[in-house]
Amino acid sequence: MKKDTEFLMKTGGRESFEAVFSLMEQAFPPSERRTRQGQAALLEKDVYSYRILEEDGQFLGFLGVWDFGEFRFCEHFAVNENARGKGIGTKALLRWAGESESPVVLEVEPPETAIAQRRIGFYQRAGFTLNSFSYWQPAMQPGQEPIPLLLMSRPGALSEEVFRRCRDCLLREVYGVSPEEFLYP
């Protein structure tokens, strides 16, 4: 792979599922991803897609994204270990964010660990703002607990009203939970 690589970013579907799910298993703990069956079921939803990163036919990574019209949500984002440190992640995120005028949100762990602080810094350098509103991700798999997270947004901070609309949409559409019935720990 060239140092300053130019890569292809395309919409993927069933043909890319195995590569995406394999990287997802490597990059995310079970509490932050669905089962294989649950992840595969997302491909039936019109508002969900993969953005596949590749160079010379080689799979480099992916973004798992939702488009709700009012805003877009980057649920999962990972680059293969051998492709990291080359700017691919930043370029991919900026390229995807620039595909539409719709605001973008994503979830991050609170800045309580060094790795969480590095991730937040990465997203801030890409133009995202850390929002301080309380947010919990519902359990993604049976036997898992909700996770305290924060939302980051681009191009700027979310107002409390917009945050609530985004949160409620994510609970309902992404996690299949009624916002009125979800009990925050």
Protein backbone atom coordinates (compact mmCIF):
# COMPACT_ATOMS: atom_id res chain seq x y z
CA MET A 1 0.00 0.00 0.00
CA LYS A 2 1.29 3.42 -0.90
CA LYS A 3 2.03 5.84 1.96
CA ASP A 4 -0.29 8.62 0.71
CA THR A 5 -2.96 6.35 -0.66
CA GLU A 6 -5.95 7.20 -2.81
CA PHE A 7 -8.67 4.69 -2.13
CA LEU A 8 -12.08 3.88 -3.51
CA MET A 9 -15.11 4.41 -1.27
CA LYS A 10 -18.25 2.68 -2.49
CA THR A 11 -21.58 1.53 -1.16
CA GLY A 12 -21.47 -2.12 -0.19
CA GLY A 13 -24.11 -4.72 0.49
CA ARG A 14 -24.34 -8.48 0.95
CA GLU A 15 -21.20 -9.05 -1.13
CA SER A 16 -19.12 -7.20 1.45
CA PHE A 17 -20.86 -8.50 4.58
CA GLU A 18 -18.25 -11.12 5.57
CA ALA A 19 -15.32 -8.70 5.34
CA VAL A 20 -17.24 -6.01 7.21
CA PHE A 21 -18.44 -8.32 9.98
CA SER A 22 -14.99 -9.88 10.42
CA LEU A 23 -13.43 -6.43 10.91
CA MET A 24 -16.34 -5.42 13.16
CA GLU A 25 -15.61 -8.43 15.41
CA GLN A 26 -11.94 -7.39 15.62
CA ALA A 27 -12.58 -3.69 16.20
CA PHE A 28 -15.61 -3.65 18.53
CA PRO A 29 -16.42 -5.53 21.73
CA PRO A 30 -19.70 -7.54 21.76
CA SER A 31 -21.39 -4.75 23.74
CA GLU A 32 -20.86 -2.38 20.78
CA ARG A 33 -22.02 -4.62 17.92
CA ARG A 34 -24.91 -6.84 16.94
CA THR A 35 -24.90 -10.58 16.43
CA ARG A 36 -24.06 -11.76 12.90
CA GLN A 37 -27.78 -12.31 12.25
CA GLY A 38 -28.73 -8.90 13.66
CA GLN A 39 -26.08 -7.14 11.58
CA ALA A 40 -27.10 -8.98 8.40
CA ALA A 41 -30.73 -7.96 8.96
CA LEU A 42 -29.73 -4.28 8.71
CA LEU A 43 -29.01 -4.74 5.01
CA GLU A 44 -32.79 -4.97 4.46
CA LYS A 45 -33.28 -1.41 5.75
CA ASP A 46 -33.32 1.37 3.16
CA VAL A 47 -31.77 3.87 5.59
CA TYR A 48 -28.69 1.70 6.37
CA SER A 49 -25.63 0.96 4.25
CA TYR A 50 -21.93 0.20 4.31
CA ARG A 51 -19.37 2.52 2.77
CA ILE A 52 -16.55 0.19 1.78
CA LEU A 53 -12.96 1.45 1.63
CA GLU A 54 -10.66 -0.36 -0.77
CA GLU A 55 -7.49 0.08 -2.75
CA ASP A 56 -6.57 -2.07 -5.75
CA GLY A 57 -9.41 -4.45 -4.81
CA GLN A 58 -8.12 -4.84 -1.24
CA PHE A 59 -10.62 -4.24 1.59
CA LEU A 60 -9.28 -1.48 3.85
CA GLY A 61 -12.24 -0.79 6.12
CA PHE A 62 -15.81 0.41 6.29
CA LEU A 63 -18.31 2.86 7.68
CA GLY A 64 -21.69 1.49 8.80
CA VAL A 65 -24.03 4.44 8.24
CA TRP A 66 -27.65 5.47 8.55
CA ASP A 67 -29.34 8.28 6.60
CA PHE A 68 -32.46 9.68 8.28
CA GLY A 69 -32.77 12.77 6.07
CA GLU A 70 -32.62 15.26 8.95
CA PHE A 71 -29.24 13.82 9.97
CA ARG A 72 -26.87 10.94 9.22
CA PHE A 73 -25.42 8.56 11.80
CA CYS A 74 -22.08 6.77 11.57
CA GLU A 75 -22.69 3.73 13.78
CA HIS A 76 -19.50 1.78 13.07
CA PHE A 77 -16.23 2.90 11.54
CA ALA A 78 -13.10 0.76 11.30
CA VAL A 79 -9.93 0.52 9.23
CA ASN A 80 -7.89 -2.69 8.93
CA GLU A 81 -4.94 -2.72 11.29
CA ASN A 82 -2.40 -2.83 8.42
CA ALA A 83 -3.99 0.26 6.82
CA ARG A 84 -4.03 2.44 9.96
CA GLY A 85 -1.81 5.47 10.41
CA LYS A 86 -1.95 6.46 6.73
CA GLY A 87 -4.77 9.01 6.94
CA ILE A 88 -7.32 6.68 5.36
CA GLY A 89 -9.75 6.93 8.28
CA THR A 90 -9.73 10.71 8.31
CA LYS A 91 -10.10 10.94 4.54
CA ALA A 92 -12.94 8.41 4.51
CA LEU A 93 -14.84 10.13 7.30
CA LEU A 94 -14.47 13.55 5.68
CA ARG A 95 -15.41 12.20 2.25
CA TRP A 96 -18.56 10.55 3.64
CA ALA A 97 -19.48 13.62 5.73
CA GLY A 98 -19.11 15.76 2.60
CA GLU A 99 -21.50 13.65 0.51
CA SER A 100 -24.52 15.52 1.89
CA GLU A 101 -25.46 18.75 3.61
CA SER A 102 -27.18 16.77 6.39
CA PRO A 103 -25.50 16.97 9.81
CA VAL A 104 -23.61 13.89 11.00
CA VAL A 105 -23.63 12.32 14.46
CA LEU A 106 -21.68 9.46 15.99
CA GLU A 107 -21.26 7.89 19.41
CA VAL A 108 -18.10 7.92 21.54
CA GLU A 109 -17.14 6.75 25.00
CA PRO A 110 -16.88 9.53 27.60
CA PRO A 111 -13.31 10.94 27.82
CA GLU A 112 -12.44 8.85 30.88
CA THR A 113 -9.64 6.73 29.37
CA ALA A 114 -6.63 7.52 27.22
CA ILE A 115 -8.03 5.62 24.23
CA ALA A 116 -11.41 7.39 24.52
CA GLN A 117 -9.60 10.74 24.65
CA ARG A 118 -7.59 9.82 21.52
CA ARG A 119 -10.78 8.83 19.65
CA ILE A 120 -12.50 12.06 20.63
CA GLY A 121 -9.42 14.02 19.50
CA PHE A 122 -9.45 12.17 16.16
CA TYR A 123 -13.08 13.14 15.56
CA GLN A 124 -12.50 16.72 16.74
CA ARG A 125 -9.66 17.08 14.21
CA ALA A 126 -12.19 15.93 11.58
CA GLY A 127 -14.53 18.78 12.55
CA PHE A 128 -16.79 17.03 15.07
CA THR A 129 -17.98 18.65 18.30
CA LEU A 130 -18.42 16.71 21.56
CA ASN A 131 -21.92 17.24 22.97
CA SER A 132 -22.32 17.00 26.75
CA PHE A 133 -25.91 15.71 26.88
CA SER A 134 -26.42 12.42 28.74
CA TYR A 135 -26.82 9.54 26.28
CA TRP A 136 -27.03 5.76 26.70
CA GLN A 137 -26.70 3.18 23.96
CA PRO A 138 -29.18 0.34 24.55
CA ALA A 139 -27.83 -3.21 24.73
CA MET A 140 -26.85 -4.46 21.27
CA GLN A 141 -26.99 -8.17 22.16
CA PRO A 142 -28.91 -10.30 24.66
CA GLY A 143 -27.24 -10.31 28.07
CA GLN A 144 -25.49 -6.97 27.50
CA GLU A 145 -26.11 -3.78 29.46
CA PRO A 146 -26.72 -0.25 28.14
CA ILE A 147 -23.53 1.78 27.71
CA PRO A 148 -23.03 5.42 28.71
CA LEU A 149 -21.81 7.31 25.63
CA LEU A 150 -21.76 10.82 24.23
CA LEU A 151 -22.77 12.07 20.81
CA MET A 152 -20.39 14.00 18.61
CA SER A 153 -21.77 16.06 15.76
CA ARG A 154 -20.64 17.84 12.65
CA PRO A 155 -20.72 20.62 11.52
CA GLY A 156 -21.31 21.96 15.05
CA ALA A 157 -22.81 21.31 18.46
CA LEU A 158 -26.40 20.09 18.77
CA SER A 159 -29.01 22.18 20.53
CA GLU A 160 -30.86 20.30 23.27
CA GLU A 161 -33.94 20.06 21.05
CA VAL A 162 -31.99 18.64 18.09
CA PHE A 163 -30.10 16.29 20.44
CA ARG A 164 -33.42 14.89 21.73
CA ARG A 165 -34.75 14.37 18.19
CA CYS A 166 -31.51 12.61 17.19
CA ARG A 167 -31.47 10.49 20.37
CA ASP A 168 -35.11 9.46 19.97
CA CYS A 169 -34.57 8.58 16.30
CA LEU A 170 -31.49 6.49 17.16
CA LEU A 171 -33.32 4.66 19.93
CA ARG A 172 -36.29 3.91 17.69
CA GLU A 173 -34.63 3.22 14.32
CA VAL A 174 -31.15 1.94 15.16
CA TYR A 175 -31.76 0.11 18.42
CA GLY A 176 -35.46 -0.77 18.07
CA VAL A 177 -36.35 0.74 21.44
CA SER A 178 -39.23 3.07 22.22
CA PRO A 179 -37.81 6.37 23.53
CA GLU A 180 -40.74 6.62 25.93
CA GLU A 181 -40.05 3.14 27.35
CA PHE A 182 -36.24 3.11 27.44
CA LEU A 183 -35.21 3.37 31.06
CA TYR A 184 -31.86 5.08 31.40
CA PRO A 185 -29.70 3.39 34.04
